[in-house]
Amino acid sequence: MSIQDDHVHLLLQLRASDSIAESVRILKGGTSRIIRKEFPELEEFLWGDSFWADGYFAESVGHVDEEVIKKYIDEQRK
């Protein structure tokens, strides 16, 4: 994981039968609840009810070595 000012990079492994959209919905909903509970003062900075933005980007990497992806995510911090 790499946290940027305006986005987050995550490396997730899902089964082929898992829905990417459903997985992202669960991830964003769950983390929103945890963050809101731990940091209630953030509520004043939200526009509407959403903690996370509506969109996301997902990429399938096929047979790329996992270390290549980890290196890419790590380098986003620089």
C-alpha atoms as a PDB file:
ATOM      1  CA  MET A   1       0.000   0.000   0.000  1.00  0.00           C
ATOM      2  CA  SER A   2       1.074   3.562  -0.726  1.00  0.00           C
ATOM      3  CA  ILE A   3      -0.940   6.546   0.495  1.00  0.00           C
ATOM      4  CA  GLN A   4      -0.709   9.702  -1.627  1.00  0.00           C
ATOM      5  CA  ASP A   5      -2.261  13.145  -1.078  1.00  0.00           C
ATOM      6  CA  ASP A   6      -5.199  12.377  -3.363  1.00  0.00           C
ATOM      7  CA  HIS A   7      -5.250   8.595  -3.816  1.00  0.00           C
ATOM      8  CA  VAL A   8      -4.197   5.240  -2.406  1.00  0.00           C
ATOM      9  CA  HIS A   9      -2.340   2.431  -4.206  1.00  0.00           C
ATOM     10  CA  LEU A  10      -3.210  -1.097  -3.084  1.00  0.00           C
ATOM     11  CA  LEU A  11      -2.060  -4.470  -4.316  1.00  0.00           C
ATOM     12  CA  LEU A  12      -4.882  -6.964  -3.876  1.00  0.00           C
ATOM     13  CA  GLN A  13      -5.176 -10.553  -4.971  1.00  0.00           C
ATOM     14  CA  LEU A  14      -8.698 -11.686  -5.826  1.00  0.00           C
ATOM     15  CA  ARG A  15     -10.031 -14.977  -7.119  1.00  0.00           C
ATOM     16  CA  ALA A  16     -11.184 -14.889 -10.737  1.00  0.00           C
ATOM     17  CA  SER A  17     -14.741 -15.419  -9.494  1.00  0.00           C
ATOM     18  CA  ASP A  18     -14.616 -12.328  -7.219  1.00  0.00           C
ATOM     19  CA  SER A  19     -16.237  -9.146  -8.483  1.00  0.00           C
ATOM     20  CA  ILE A  20     -13.787  -6.238  -8.540  1.00  0.00           C
ATOM     21  CA  ALA A  21     -16.625  -3.729  -8.100  1.00  0.00           C
ATOM     22  CA  GLU A  22     -18.041  -5.612  -5.102  1.00  0.00           C
ATOM     23  CA  SER A  23     -14.580  -6.002  -3.542  1.00  0.00           C
ATOM     24  CA  VAL A  24     -13.918  -2.256  -3.884  1.00  0.00           C
ATOM     25  CA  ARG A  25     -17.368  -1.454  -2.452  1.00  0.00           C
ATOM     26  CA  ILE A  26     -16.674  -3.621   0.611  1.00  0.00           C
ATOM     27  CA  LEU A  27     -13.162  -2.206   1.042  1.00  0.00           C
ATOM     28  CA  LYS A  28     -14.253   1.435   0.739  1.00  0.00           C
ATOM     29  CA  GLY A  29     -17.322   0.975   2.940  1.00  0.00           C
ATOM     30  CA  GLY A  30     -15.453  -0.866   5.671  1.00  0.00           C
ATOM     31  CA  THR A  31     -12.501   1.512   5.778  1.00  0.00           C
ATOM     32  CA  SER A  32     -14.849   4.515   5.757  1.00  0.00           C
ATOM     33  CA  ARG A  33     -16.659   3.208   8.840  1.00  0.00           C
ATOM     34  CA  ILE A  34     -13.399   2.514  10.683  1.00  0.00           C
ATOM     35  CA  ILE A  35     -11.826   5.889   9.830  1.00  0.00           C
ATOM     36  CA  ARG A  36     -15.002   7.830  10.710  1.00  0.00           C
ATOM     37  CA  LYS A  37     -15.212   6.048  14.071  1.00  0.00           C
ATOM     38  CA  GLU A  38     -11.546   6.610  14.892  1.00  0.00           C
ATOM     39  CA  PHE A  39     -11.425  10.214  13.606  1.00  0.00           C
ATOM     40  CA  PRO A  40     -14.911  11.766  14.043  1.00  0.00           C
ATOM     41  CA  GLU A  41     -13.432  15.249  13.578  1.00  0.00           C
ATOM     42  CA  LEU A  42     -13.007  14.489   9.850  1.00  0.00           C
ATOM     43  CA  GLU A  43     -16.777  14.788   9.331  1.00  0.00           C
ATOM     44  CA  GLU A  44     -16.498  18.560   9.018  1.00  0.00           C
ATOM     45  CA  PHE A  45     -14.233  18.184   5.963  1.00  0.00           C
ATOM     46  CA  LEU A  46     -16.527  15.862   3.997  1.00  0.00           C
ATOM     47  CA  TRP A  47     -18.753  17.013   1.149  1.00  0.00           C
ATOM     48  CA  GLY A  48     -21.948  15.061   1.612  1.00  0.00           C
ATOM     49  CA  ASP A  49     -22.008  11.574   3.082  1.00  0.00           C
ATOM     50  CA  SER A  50     -19.141  10.047   1.104  1.00  0.00           C
ATOM     51  CA  PHE A  51     -15.737   9.556   2.650  1.00  0.00           C
ATOM     52  CA  TRP A  52     -14.107   8.148  -0.489  1.00  0.00           C
ATOM     53  CA  ALA A  53     -14.512   9.437  -4.038  1.00  0.00           C
ATOM     54  CA  ASP A  54     -16.904   7.492  -6.265  1.00  0.00           C
ATOM     55  CA  GLY A  55     -14.301   6.143  -8.682  1.00  0.00           C
ATOM     56  CA  TYR A  56     -11.473   3.651  -8.611  1.00  0.00           C
ATOM     57  CA  PHE A  57      -8.969   2.195 -11.039  1.00  0.00           C
ATOM     58  CA  ALA A  58      -8.267  -1.527 -11.230  1.00  0.00           C
ATOM     59  CA  GLU A  59      -5.720  -3.284 -13.391  1.00  0.00           C
ATOM     60  CA  SER A  60      -5.240  -6.978 -13.990  1.00  0.00           C
ATOM     61  CA  VAL A  61      -1.573  -7.897 -14.054  1.00  0.00           C
ATOM     62  CA  GLY A  62      -1.750 -11.470 -15.278  1.00  0.00           C
ATOM     63  CA  HIS A  63       1.605 -13.202 -15.015  1.00  0.00           C
ATOM     64  CA  VAL A  64       3.678 -10.191 -13.940  1.00  0.00           C
ATOM     65  CA  ASP A  65       5.908 -10.919 -10.982  1.00  0.00           C
ATOM     66  CA  GLU A  66       4.335  -9.603  -7.765  1.00  0.00           C
ATOM     67  CA  GLU A  67       7.643  -7.967  -6.842  1.00  0.00           C
ATOM     68  CA  VAL A  68       7.424  -5.727  -9.949  1.00  0.00           C
ATOM     69  CA  ILE A  69       4.045  -4.410  -8.783  1.00  0.00           C
ATOM     70  CA  LYS A  70       5.273  -3.928  -5.208  1.00  0.00           C
ATOM     71  CA  LYS A  71       8.264  -1.975  -6.526  1.00  0.00           C
ATOM     72  CA  TYR A  72       5.980   0.257  -8.630  1.00  0.00           C
ATOM     73  CA  ILE A  73       3.764   1.017  -5.610  1.00  0.00           C
ATOM     74  CA  ASP A  74       6.799   1.674  -3.417  1.00  0.00           C
ATOM     75  CA  GLU A  75       8.223   4.109  -5.967  1.00  0.00           C
ATOM     76  CA  GLN A  76       5.004   6.168  -5.922  1.00  0.00           C
ATOM     77  CA  ARG A  77       6.038   7.487  -2.491  1.00  0.00           C
ATOM     78  CA  LYS A  78       9.032   9.286  -4.033  1.00  0.00           C
END
